[in-house]
Amino acid sequence: MSPAGCSHVNAYKVDNWRQNLRVIYQCFVWSGSAEARRRKAKSCICHMCGAHLNRLHSCLSCVFFGCFTKKHIHEHAKNKRHNLAIDLLYGGIYCFVCQDYIYDKEMEQIAKEEQRKAWKLQGTVLLVSSSSGVGEKYSTWEPTKRELELLRHNPKRRKITTNCTIGLRGLINLGNTCFMNCIVQALTHTPLLRDFFLSDRHKCEMQSNSCLVCEMSQLFQEFYSGHRWPHIPFRLLHLVWTHARHLAGYEQQDAHEFLIAALDVLHRHCKGDTTHDNGKKANNPNHCSCIIDQIFTGGLQSDVTCQVCHGVSTTIDPFWDISLDLPGSSTPFWPLSPGGDGSTVNGESHLSGATTLTDCLRRFTRPEHLGSSAKIKCGGCHSYQESTKQLTMKKLPIVACFHLKRFEHSAKLRRKITTYVSFPLELDMTPFIASSKESRMNGQYQQTVEVLNNDNKYSLFAVVNHQGTLESGHYTSFIRQHKDQWFKCDDAIITKASIKDVLDSEGSTYYYYYYYYY
């Protein structure tokens, strides 16, 4: 299917197709009245095996119900050449030629209208995601005196047990979309982002049904609904294609590129969620109080020092992630940090000669001599002079994303760098913040005797991995559900993982959450 949509829908749009589609939604999908729901329960069974479940679909060309899981609806479509079917639980329309769920503006409008009518008949309050048109229905509720009394005597919150699977849900691969699925898993397990969306904090101000924040809100509802079957993120994919055209299509894409594009669109769509105290600017380098900037935005300080007068020019730029060079790339890498003999530095277990995440961060924040070919005009000397440049962290974000540059592109070289990088469960960023700059000499960090600041400690909660080559490969992710409970997410498949599985993986992007908050 092309980004323009499914071309096979036009064959269905003949005669009274709109009225026929409305009848299908009224009778077999939304079923607003009690009588309609009873009819649906009796009639909507698979015509081949008699089952009610297994993702029942109805053919749009004739009255045939078939299981999607057991492919009974697929057999019918092949034999009768009826290309379109509708999911009787969610109302999504599937094309058997494209082998994908499709989006059609006219069909989507009919679905929304019939859904509103059905929920109105049920006497429920309708809250619909403006981006997807499909939301959750909520019945109005007021606690009784008895319930209030029980709440007063039982104020404790329910504890999450180690066997709890809430928040764990696979994502269907819609055609080389593993790059999107692994990032979505990391975002849906970001604590503050989860709290924001599950507390219904988003207030949409967009006029059209194209708000990515609304779709993310719906996605969080799906993930934490308790359902265990895989979710189909077709609306999310459609919105990504709409707002990030360079990611449109079924070619393989880069997960890191998707992360930045998604954060950018979410930031732009969070207009109604920004609140300022007495007109003051938000306390982050983007000066924005939207949830994305509150969580992900940090400040990167760049100090350029003149080699003649030693005057320093400082700039601070916002960042959502830090991209780190690796040994083995065409960029020269400097010696490993102390601990290469098998000791432990910053919580990382160093194998002899192994590269660590700390090594990459130390290289990122070391002074760099710009050379005679990159002279800058010094404000003190008022002339062009050689200088050194050093990057440090002026403001740390709540969630720190570290991206390893495993894909190298140059005029002569295109390859994947497979250097193994060890990383810790807990990461202390104190050596790399601007206030620690004076503790560095000639690019070598000198370990101080003071206890490292707990406010700068981060805890690992997600890792994105890429297996394969530059031309072809597959993305998976590890996410931490709670405490030391880790799971591997491989598109629709979620499996239990050990901490060793996580730390031994060939990471591409690491997500650390401020230890102080978690």
Protein backbone atom coordinates (compact mmCIF):
# COMPACT_ATOMS: atom_id res chain seq x y z
CA MET A 1 0.00 0.00 0.00
CA SER A 2 1.34 3.43 -0.94
CA PRO A 3 1.32 6.45 1.43
CA ALA A 4 -1.62 7.80 -0.65
CA GLY A 5 -3.84 4.98 0.64
CA CYS A 6 -5.42 1.75 -0.59
CA SER A 7 -6.39 1.76 -4.27
CA HIS A 8 -8.75 -1.21 -3.85
CA VAL A 9 -11.31 0.79 -1.85
CA ASN A 10 -12.67 2.41 -5.04
CA ALA A 11 -14.00 -0.94 -6.28
CA TYR A 12 -16.18 -1.11 -3.13
CA LYS A 13 -17.50 2.43 -3.47
CA VAL A 14 -20.40 1.77 -5.84
CA ASP A 15 -24.20 2.15 -5.60
CA ASN A 16 -25.33 2.47 -1.97
CA TRP A 17 -21.97 1.67 -0.35
CA ARG A 18 -22.30 4.39 2.31
CA GLN A 19 -25.65 3.10 3.54
CA ASN A 20 -24.43 -0.49 3.44
CA LEU A 21 -21.35 0.40 5.50
CA ARG A 22 -23.52 2.27 8.04
CA VAL A 23 -25.74 -0.79 8.46
CA ILE A 24 -22.68 -3.00 9.08
CA TYR A 25 -21.38 -0.59 11.75
CA GLN A 26 -24.83 -0.30 13.34
CA CYS A 27 -25.60 -4.02 13.43
CA PHE A 28 -22.25 -5.78 13.72
CA VAL A 29 -19.65 -3.36 15.16
CA TRP A 30 -20.89 -0.62 17.52
CA SER A 31 -24.40 -1.99 18.26
CA GLY A 32 -25.85 0.89 20.28
CA SER A 33 -29.11 -0.58 21.57
CA ALA A 34 -29.49 -3.59 23.81
CA GLU A 35 -31.45 -5.38 21.10
CA ALA A 36 -28.67 -4.74 18.56
CA ARG A 37 -26.09 -6.15 20.97
CA ARG A 38 -28.20 -9.29 21.48
CA ARG A 39 -28.48 -9.76 17.70
CA LYS A 40 -24.72 -9.31 17.33
CA ALA A 41 -24.00 -11.90 20.04
CA LYS A 42 -26.24 -14.46 18.31
CA SER A 43 -25.33 -13.85 14.67
CA CYS A 44 -21.64 -12.82 14.73
CA ILE A 45 -19.91 -16.19 14.76
CA CYS A 46 -17.37 -17.61 12.33
CA HIS A 47 -19.24 -19.32 9.48
CA MET A 48 -16.50 -21.94 9.24
CA CYS A 49 -15.70 -22.93 12.84
CA GLY A 50 -18.53 -21.33 14.87
CA ALA A 51 -16.20 -19.35 17.15
CA HIS A 52 -17.13 -15.95 18.59
CA LEU A 53 -13.53 -14.82 19.20
CA ASN A 54 -10.25 -15.10 17.22
CA ARG A 55 -10.52 -11.52 15.90
CA LEU A 56 -13.79 -11.96 14.02
CA HIS A 57 -14.07 -10.01 10.74
CA SER A 58 -17.03 -9.45 8.45
CA CYS A 59 -16.74 -9.37 4.68
CA LEU A 60 -17.87 -6.00 3.27
CA SER A 61 -19.14 -7.55 0.03
CA CYS A 62 -21.41 -10.22 1.52
CA VAL A 63 -22.72 -11.39 4.89
CA PHE A 64 -19.84 -13.65 5.88
CA PHE A 65 -18.11 -13.75 9.27
CA GLY A 66 -14.70 -15.39 9.62
CA CYS A 67 -11.84 -15.74 12.09
CA PHE A 68 -8.82 -13.58 11.32
CA THR A 69 -6.52 -15.59 13.62
CA LYS A 70 -7.36 -18.91 11.96
CA LYS A 71 -7.43 -17.23 8.51
CA HIS A 72 -11.00 -18.31 7.75
CA ILE A 73 -11.79 -14.79 6.54
CA HIS A 74 -8.64 -14.95 4.38
CA GLU A 75 -9.86 -18.14 2.70
CA HIS A 76 -13.22 -16.52 1.97
CA ALA A 77 -11.56 -13.43 0.50
CA LYS A 78 -9.36 -15.55 -1.75
CA ASN A 79 -12.17 -17.81 -2.97
CA LYS A 80 -14.75 -15.05 -3.53
CA ARG A 81 -12.28 -12.28 -4.44
CA HIS A 82 -13.86 -10.03 -1.83
CA ASN A 83 -10.93 -7.80 -0.91
CA LEU A 84 -12.23 -5.86 2.11
CA ALA A 85 -13.32 -6.95 5.59
CA ILE A 86 -14.11 -5.12 8.82
CA ASP A 87 -12.87 -5.91 12.32
CA LEU A 88 -16.01 -6.40 14.45
CA LEU A 89 -14.28 -5.30 17.67
CA TYR A 90 -12.47 -2.09 16.65
CA GLY A 91 -14.10 -1.23 13.30
CA GLY A 92 -10.83 -1.17 11.34
CA ILE A 93 -11.00 -2.15 7.66
CA TYR A 94 -8.55 -4.70 6.26
CA CYS A 95 -7.51 -5.10 2.60
CA PHE A 96 -6.45 -8.64 1.68
CA VAL A 97 -4.62 -7.45 -1.44
CA CYS A 98 -2.53 -4.89 0.46
CA GLN A 99 -2.39 -7.30 3.45
CA ASP A 100 -2.81 -4.37 5.80
CA TYR A 101 -5.40 -2.32 7.67
CA ILE A 102 -6.24 0.72 5.58
CA TYR A 103 -7.29 4.32 6.13
CA ASP A 104 -9.98 6.00 4.04
CA LYS A 105 -11.27 9.44 4.99
CA GLU A 106 -14.90 8.79 3.99
CA MET A 107 -15.05 5.41 5.70
CA GLU A 108 -13.43 6.82 8.83
CA GLN A 109 -16.04 9.60 8.97
CA ILE A 110 -18.88 7.07 8.74
CA ALA A 111 -17.27 4.97 11.49
CA LYS A 112 -17.04 7.98 13.83
CA GLU A 113 -20.61 9.09 13.19
CA GLU A 114 -22.03 5.63 13.85
CA GLN A 115 -19.85 5.21 16.92
CA ARG A 116 -21.19 8.45 18.41
CA LYS A 117 -24.78 7.39 17.71
CA ALA A 118 -24.22 3.98 19.34
CA TRP A 119 -22.64 5.40 22.48
CA LYS A 120 -25.39 8.02 22.74
CA LEU A 121 -27.95 5.19 22.73
CA GLN A 122 -25.97 3.49 25.50
CA GLY A 123 -26.14 6.65 27.63
CA THR A 124 -22.39 7.04 27.92
CA VAL A 125 -20.09 10.05 27.82
CA LEU A 126 -18.01 9.93 24.66
CA LEU A 127 -14.36 10.91 24.79
CA VAL A 128 -12.83 10.50 21.35
CA SER A 129 -9.19 10.92 20.39
CA SER A 130 -9.19 13.69 17.79
CA SER A 131 -6.43 12.04 15.78
CA SER A 132 -7.87 8.56 15.51
CA GLY A 133 -11.60 9.07 15.88
CA VAL A 134 -11.75 5.97 18.07
CA GLY A 135 -11.74 6.47 21.81
CA GLU A 136 -12.96 4.87 25.01
CA LYS A 137 -16.46 5.19 26.40
CA TYR A 138 -16.87 6.28 30.00
CA SER A 139 -20.03 5.96 32.07
CA THR A 140 -20.71 8.80 34.48
CA TRP A 141 -20.16 7.67 38.09
CA GLU A 142 -20.58 9.14 41.53
CA PRO A 143 -19.59 7.14 44.63
CA THR A 144 -22.37 6.15 47.01
CA LYS A 145 -22.16 6.83 50.75
CA ARG A 146 -21.21 3.20 51.30
CA GLU A 147 -18.41 3.43 48.71
CA LEU A 148 -17.11 6.67 50.25
CA GLU A 149 -17.00 4.99 53.64
CA LEU A 150 -15.05 2.04 52.19
CA LEU A 151 -12.58 4.41 50.52
CA ARG A 152 -11.94 6.22 53.83
CA HIS A 153 -11.20 2.96 55.63
CA ASN A 154 -9.08 1.54 52.78
CA PRO A 155 -6.85 4.41 51.58
CA LYS A 156 -3.94 2.21 50.48
CA ARG A 157 -3.27 1.85 46.77
CA ARG A 158 -3.24 -1.56 45.20
CA LYS A 159 0.29 -2.91 44.83
CA ILE A 160 1.66 -4.22 41.55
CA THR A 161 2.87 -7.78 41.94
CA THR A 162 5.84 -9.29 40.14
CA ASN A 163 3.44 -11.37 38.02
CA CYS A 164 1.50 -8.33 36.81
CA THR A 165 1.53 -7.82 33.02
CA ILE A 166 -0.15 -4.41 32.94
CA GLY A 167 1.49 -2.19 30.33
CA LEU A 168 2.99 -5.12 28.42
CA ARG A 169 1.59 -5.40 24.92
CA GLY A 170 3.05 -6.43 21.60
CA LEU A 171 2.81 -4.36 18.42
CA ILE A 172 1.98 -5.80 15.02
CA ASN A 173 4.66 -5.17 12.38
CA LEU A 174 2.88 -3.37 9.53
CA GLY A 175 5.69 -3.91 7.03
CA ASN A 176 9.27 -3.06 8.11
CA THR A 177 7.89 -0.99 11.04
CA CYS A 178 10.04 -2.58 13.76
CA PHE A 179 11.92 0.76 13.94
CA MET A 180 8.67 2.39 15.12
CA ASN A 181 7.57 -0.43 17.42
CA CYS A 182 10.77 -0.46 19.49
CA ILE A 183 10.60 3.32 20.09
CA VAL A 184 6.90 3.13 20.98
CA GLN A 185 7.72 0.47 23.60
CA ALA A 186 10.35 2.77 25.14
CA LEU A 187 8.01 5.79 25.15
CA THR A 188 5.05 3.91 26.66
CA HIS A 189 7.30 2.78 29.53
CA THR A 190 8.66 6.25 30.27
CA PRO A 191 7.26 6.91 33.80
CA LEU A 192 6.38 10.63 33.62
CA LEU A 193 5.04 10.32 30.07
CA ARG A 194 2.87 7.42 31.20
CA ASP A 195 1.55 9.40 34.18
CA PHE A 196 0.75 12.39 31.93
CA PHE A 197 -1.31 10.45 29.41
CA LEU A 198 -3.06 8.11 31.86
CA SER A 199 -4.24 11.11 33.91
CA ASP A 200 -5.90 12.65 30.80
CA ARG A 201 -3.75 15.79 30.85
CA HIS A 202 -3.71 16.44 27.10
CA LYS A 203 -6.00 19.25 25.89
CA CYS A 204 -6.07 19.23 22.11
CA GLU A 205 -6.39 22.53 20.24
CA MET A 206 -5.90 21.20 16.72
CA GLN A 207 -8.82 21.60 14.33
CA SER A 208 -8.19 18.52 12.20
CA ASN A 209 -7.98 14.85 13.14
CA SER A 210 -4.20 14.83 12.84
CA CYS A 211 -2.91 15.33 16.39
CA LEU A 212 -0.11 12.89 17.20
CA VAL A 213 -0.47 13.63 20.94
CA CYS A 214 -4.10 12.47 20.82
CA GLU A 215 -2.99 9.26 19.15
CA MET A 216 -0.27 8.73 21.78
CA SER A 217 -2.91 9.26 24.47
CA GLN A 218 -5.04 6.57 22.84
CA LEU A 219 -1.97 4.33 22.58
CA PHE A 220 -1.30 4.59 26.32
CA GLN A 221 -4.94 3.69 27.00
CA GLU A 222 -4.51 0.61 24.81
CA PHE A 223 -1.24 -0.44 26.48
CA TYR A 224 -2.58 -0.10 30.03
CA SER A 225 -6.10 -1.44 29.35
CA GLY A 226 -5.16 -4.93 30.49
CA HIS A 227 -5.61 -6.44 27.02
CA ARG A 228 -2.91 -8.95 26.18
CA TRP A 229 -3.32 -9.47 22.43
CA PRO A 230 -1.02 -7.41 20.15
CA HIS A 231 -2.07 -3.87 19.24
CA ILE A 232 -2.18 -2.73 15.59
CA PRO A 233 -0.65 0.80 15.45
CA PHE A 234 -1.97 1.65 11.96
CA ARG A 235 -3.29 5.09 12.94
CA LEU A 236 0.03 5.99 14.53
CA LEU A 237 1.86 4.91 11.36
CA HIS A 238 -0.52 6.99 9.22
CA LEU A 239 0.10 10.10 11.35
CA VAL A 240 3.86 9.56 11.25
CA TRP A 241 3.69 9.35 7.47
CA THR A 242 1.57 12.52 7.43
CA HIS A 243 3.83 14.65 9.64
CA ALA A 244 7.25 13.14 8.82
CA ARG A 245 7.13 12.55 5.07
CA HIS A 246 10.72 11.32 4.95
CA LEU A 247 9.62 8.26 6.97
CA ALA A 248 6.66 7.42 4.71
CA GLY A 249 6.63 4.11 2.88
CA TYR A 250 7.60 0.54 3.70
CA GLU A 251 11.36 0.88 3.33
CA GLN A 252 13.52 0.14 6.36
CA GLN A 253 14.03 3.24 8.51
CA ASP A 254 16.32 4.25 11.37
CA ALA A 255 14.84 4.00 14.88
CA HIS A 256 16.85 6.98 16.13
CA GLU A 257 15.57 9.12 13.26
CA PHE A 258 12.01 8.08 14.12
CA LEU A 259 12.52 9.01 17.79
CA ILE A 260 13.65 12.54 16.94
CA ALA A 261 10.87 13.00 14.37
CA ALA A 262 8.24 11.73 16.84
CA LEU A 263 9.45 14.00 19.67
CA ASP A 264 9.47 16.97 17.29
CA VAL A 265 5.88 16.38 16.15
CA LEU A 266 4.68 15.69 19.71
CA HIS A 267 6.35 18.92 20.86
CA ARG A 268 4.60 20.92 18.11
CA HIS A 269 1.20 19.32 18.82
CA CYS A 270 1.32 19.94 22.59
CA LYS A 271 0.06 23.53 22.23
CA GLY A 272 -2.88 23.17 24.60
CA ASP A 273 -0.83 21.46 27.31
CA THR A 274 1.70 24.25 27.97
CA THR A 275 1.25 26.17 31.21
CA HIS A 276 3.45 28.97 32.46
CA ASP A 277 3.73 30.34 35.99
CA ASN A 278 3.04 34.08 36.03
CA GLY A 279 4.29 34.41 32.47
CA LYS A 280 7.74 33.05 33.33
CA LYS A 281 9.58 30.92 30.81
CA ALA A 282 9.81 27.21 31.47
CA ASN A 283 13.00 25.98 33.13
CA ASN A 284 14.52 24.19 30.13
CA PRO A 285 16.66 25.33 27.17
CA ASN A 286 13.63 25.25 24.83
CA HIS A 287 11.71 27.53 27.24
CA CYS A 288 8.64 25.35 26.68
CA SER A 289 6.57 23.66 29.38
CA CYS A 290 5.02 20.95 27.19
CA ILE A 291 5.41 17.42 28.53
CA ILE A 292 8.02 16.52 25.89
CA ASP A 293 10.35 19.37 26.85
CA GLN A 294 9.77 18.78 30.56
CA ILE A 295 10.95 15.18 30.24
CA PHE A 296 13.42 14.99 27.36
CA THR A 297 15.03 18.42 26.90
CA GLY A 298 18.48 19.06 28.31
CA GLY A 299 21.02 21.84 27.78
CA LEU A 300 24.35 21.22 26.04
CA GLN A 301 27.02 23.80 26.87
CA SER A 302 29.71 24.55 24.28
CA ASP A 303 32.82 26.43 25.50
CA VAL A 304 35.18 27.74 22.81
CA THR A 305 38.51 28.92 24.31
CA CYS A 306 40.92 31.17 22.42
CA GLN A 307 44.48 29.76 22.45
CA VAL A 308 46.00 33.27 22.60
CA CYS A 309 44.06 35.25 25.21
CA HIS A 310 42.22 32.26 26.77
CA GLY A 311 38.91 34.07 26.46
CA VAL A 312 35.89 31.76 26.56
CA SER A 313 32.77 32.02 24.41
CA THR A 314 29.86 29.96 25.77
CA THR A 315 26.63 28.88 24.09
CA ILE A 316 23.89 26.57 25.39
CA ASP A 317 21.78 24.53 22.97
CA PRO A 318 18.78 22.29 23.72
CA PHE A 319 19.01 18.57 23.02
CA TRP A 320 16.69 15.57 23.14
CA ASP A 321 19.42 12.96 22.86
CA ILE A 322 23.20 12.58 22.74
CA SER A 323 24.78 10.81 19.74
CA LEU A 324 28.08 9.17 20.64
CA ASP A 325 30.98 8.06 18.41
CA LEU A 326 32.35 4.52 18.66
CA PRO A 327 35.82 3.01 18.32
CA GLY A 328 36.16 1.55 14.85
CA SER A 329 34.61 4.56 13.13
CA SER A 330 36.56 6.89 10.85
CA THR A 331 36.51 9.45 13.70
CA PRO A 332 39.65 9.00 15.88
CA PHE A 333 38.83 7.56 19.31
CA TRP A 334 40.96 8.23 22.35
CA PRO A 335 42.24 5.81 25.06
CA LEU A 336 39.82 3.96 27.29
CA SER A 337 38.98 5.22 30.76
CA PRO A 338 40.55 3.86 33.96
CA GLY A 339 39.23 0.40 34.65
CA GLY A 340 40.29 -1.27 31.41
CA ASP A 341 42.09 -3.84 33.50
CA GLY A 342 38.84 -5.40 34.73
CA SER A 343 37.83 -2.94 37.49
CA THR A 344 34.54 -1.05 37.80
CA VAL A 345 33.95 2.57 36.81
CA ASN A 346 30.56 4.34 37.10
CA GLY A 347 28.85 1.03 37.80
CA GLU A 348 30.16 -0.58 34.60
CA SER A 349 31.95 -3.89 34.71
CA HIS A 350 34.97 -3.46 32.45
CA LEU A 351 36.32 -6.37 30.52
CA SER A 352 39.92 -6.03 29.48
CA GLY A 353 40.01 -3.60 26.55
CA ALA A 354 36.20 -3.31 26.37
CA THR A 355 34.60 0.00 25.44
CA THR A 356 32.05 1.39 27.89
CA LEU A 357 29.29 3.97 27.70
CA THR A 358 31.40 6.09 30.04
CA ASP A 359 34.28 5.96 27.52
CA CYS A 360 31.96 7.31 24.85
CA LEU A 361 30.72 10.08 27.14
CA ARG A 362 34.27 11.00 28.15
CA ARG A 363 35.23 11.29 24.50
CA PHE A 364 32.11 13.38 23.79
CA THR A 365 33.01 15.87 26.57
CA ARG A 366 36.79 16.06 26.06
CA PRO A 367 38.40 19.33 24.79
CA GLU A 368 38.91 19.31 21.03
CA HIS A 369 41.55 21.42 19.27
CA LEU A 370 39.87 23.00 16.23
CA GLY A 371 43.14 23.55 14.33
CA SER A 372 44.37 26.21 11.94
CA SER A 373 41.77 25.38 9.28
CA ALA A 374 38.90 26.24 11.64
CA LYS A 375 39.96 29.55 13.17
CA ILE A 376 37.26 31.70 14.75
CA LYS A 377 37.14 35.40 15.45
CA CYS A 378 37.95 35.90 19.14
CA GLY A 379 35.94 38.56 20.99
CA GLY A 380 38.96 39.38 23.15
CA CYS A 381 41.69 39.47 20.49
CA HIS A 382 39.36 40.82 17.79
CA SER A 383 41.13 38.60 15.28
CA TYR A 384 40.93 35.04 13.95
CA GLN A 385 42.72 32.63 16.28
CA GLU A 386 43.02 28.90 16.87
CA SER A 387 40.81 27.61 19.68
CA THR A 388 39.63 24.56 21.59
CA LYS A 389 36.04 23.44 21.97
CA GLN A 390 34.54 21.46 24.83
CA LEU A 391 31.00 20.16 25.32
CA THR A 392 29.47 19.61 28.75
CA MET A 393 25.96 19.14 30.17
CA LYS A 394 24.60 22.43 31.47
CA LYS A 395 21.18 20.98 32.32
CA LEU A 396 20.41 17.28 32.55
CA PRO A 397 17.04 16.05 31.24
CA ILE A 398 14.76 13.82 33.30
CA VAL A 399 15.08 11.13 30.62
CA ALA A 400 18.51 10.87 29.01
CA CYS A 401 18.71 9.15 25.61
CA PHE A 402 22.14 8.03 24.42
CA HIS A 403 22.41 7.01 20.78
CA LEU A 404 25.43 5.09 19.50
CA LYS A 405 26.51 5.98 15.95
CA ARG A 406 26.56 2.42 14.66
CA PHE A 407 25.77 3.43 11.07
CA GLU A 408 28.67 5.19 9.36
CA HIS A 409 28.11 7.07 6.11
CA SER A 410 30.89 8.81 4.19
CA ALA A 411 31.98 9.39 0.59
CA LYS A 412 34.04 6.19 0.61
CA LEU A 413 32.38 4.11 3.32
CA ARG A 414 28.92 2.84 4.26
CA ARG A 415 28.85 0.24 7.02
CA LYS A 416 27.62 -0.76 10.45
CA ILE A 417 30.03 -0.55 13.41
CA THR A 418 29.60 -3.65 15.57
CA THR A 419 31.87 -2.60 18.46
CA TYR A 420 30.45 -3.98 21.72
CA VAL A 421 29.76 -1.26 24.31
CA SER A 422 29.09 -2.19 27.94
CA PHE A 423 26.63 -0.02 29.84
CA PRO A 424 25.53 0.15 33.49
CA LEU A 425 22.14 -0.22 35.16
CA GLU A 426 22.89 3.01 37.01
CA LEU A 427 24.77 5.90 35.41
CA ASP A 428 26.22 8.90 37.22
CA MET A 429 26.44 11.97 35.00
CA THR A 430 28.34 14.15 37.51
CA PRO A 431 31.70 13.91 35.64
CA PHE A 432 30.09 15.25 32.47
CA ILE A 433 28.16 18.29 33.70
CA ALA A 434 29.46 21.83 33.29
CA SER A 435 30.16 22.32 37.00
CA SER A 436 32.65 19.44 36.88
CA LYS A 437 34.65 20.94 34.03
CA GLU A 438 37.41 22.21 36.29
CA SER A 439 38.01 18.60 37.38
CA ARG A 440 39.27 17.71 33.92
CA MET A 441 42.85 18.16 32.82
CA ASN A 442 43.89 17.63 29.20
CA GLY A 443 40.81 15.59 28.47
CA GLN A 444 41.38 13.10 31.32
CA TYR A 445 38.78 13.17 34.09
CA GLN A 446 40.38 13.07 37.53
CA GLN A 447 38.23 11.08 39.98
CA THR A 448 37.60 13.09 43.14
CA VAL A 449 37.27 11.68 46.64
CA GLU A 450 33.88 13.29 47.26
CA VAL A 451 30.77 11.15 47.07
CA LEU A 452 29.16 11.57 43.66
CA ASN A 453 25.93 13.57 43.63
CA ASN A 454 22.84 11.36 43.78
CA ASP A 455 20.86 14.07 41.96
CA ASN A 456 22.85 13.28 38.80
CA LYS A 457 22.23 9.53 38.89
CA TYR A 458 20.17 7.78 36.24
CA SER A 459 18.50 4.37 36.18
CA LEU A 460 18.26 2.31 32.96
CA PHE A 461 14.69 1.52 31.86
CA ALA A 462 14.90 0.77 28.10
CA VAL A 463 17.42 -0.39 25.50
CA VAL A 464 16.91 -0.46 21.73
CA ASN A 465 18.93 -2.98 19.72
CA HIS A 466 19.61 -3.47 16.01
CA GLN A 467 20.55 -6.85 14.60
CA GLY A 468 21.76 -7.16 11.03
CA THR A 469 23.65 -5.03 8.54
CA LEU A 470 23.35 -1.51 7.17
CA GLU A 471 21.23 -2.76 4.26
CA SER A 472 18.91 -5.07 6.20
CA GLY A 473 18.21 -5.75 9.83
CA HIS A 474 15.68 -5.85 12.64
CA TYR A 475 15.03 -3.68 15.71
CA THR A 476 14.04 -5.05 19.12
CA SER A 477 13.95 -3.48 22.55
CA PHE A 478 14.26 -4.33 26.23
CA ILE A 479 12.00 -2.47 28.65
CA ARG A 480 11.84 -2.44 32.43
CA GLN A 481 8.30 -2.83 33.67
CA HIS A 482 9.02 -2.24 37.37
CA LYS A 483 11.95 -2.80 39.71
CA ASP A 484 14.12 -5.53 38.15
CA GLN A 485 11.44 -6.98 35.86
CA TRP A 486 12.77 -6.81 32.28
CA PHE A 487 11.05 -7.89 29.05
CA LYS A 488 12.17 -8.24 25.46
CA CYS A 489 9.85 -6.67 22.87
CA ASP A 490 10.12 -8.16 19.40
CA ASP A 491 7.16 -6.61 17.54
CA ALA A 492 4.11 -8.69 18.58
CA ILE A 493 6.12 -11.02 20.86
CA ILE A 494 6.86 -10.09 24.49
CA THR A 495 9.12 -12.42 26.49
CA LYS A 496 10.67 -12.31 29.97
CA ALA A 497 14.34 -11.29 29.99
CA SER A 498 17.09 -11.35 32.57
CA ILE A 499 19.32 -8.43 33.50
CA LYS A 500 22.20 -10.35 31.88
CA ASP A 501 20.23 -10.52 28.61
CA VAL A 502 19.86 -6.73 28.72
CA LEU A 503 23.47 -5.90 29.58
CA ASP A 504 24.88 -8.37 27.03
CA SER A 505 22.85 -6.92 24.16
CA GLU A 506 24.33 -4.88 21.30
CA GLY A 507 22.63 -1.60 22.19
CA SER A 508 21.89 1.17 19.72
CA THR A 509 20.02 3.59 22.00
CA TYR A 510 19.85 3.67 25.80
CA TYR A 511 17.12 5.34 27.86
CA TYR A 512 18.00 6.38 31.40
CA TYR A 513 15.56 7.87 33.87
CA TYR A 514 16.59 10.29 36.62
CA TYR A 515 17.21 8.02 39.61
CA TYR A 516 16.19 10.83 41.94
CA TYR A 517 12.62 10.78 40.61
CA TYR A 518 12.07 7.08 40.05
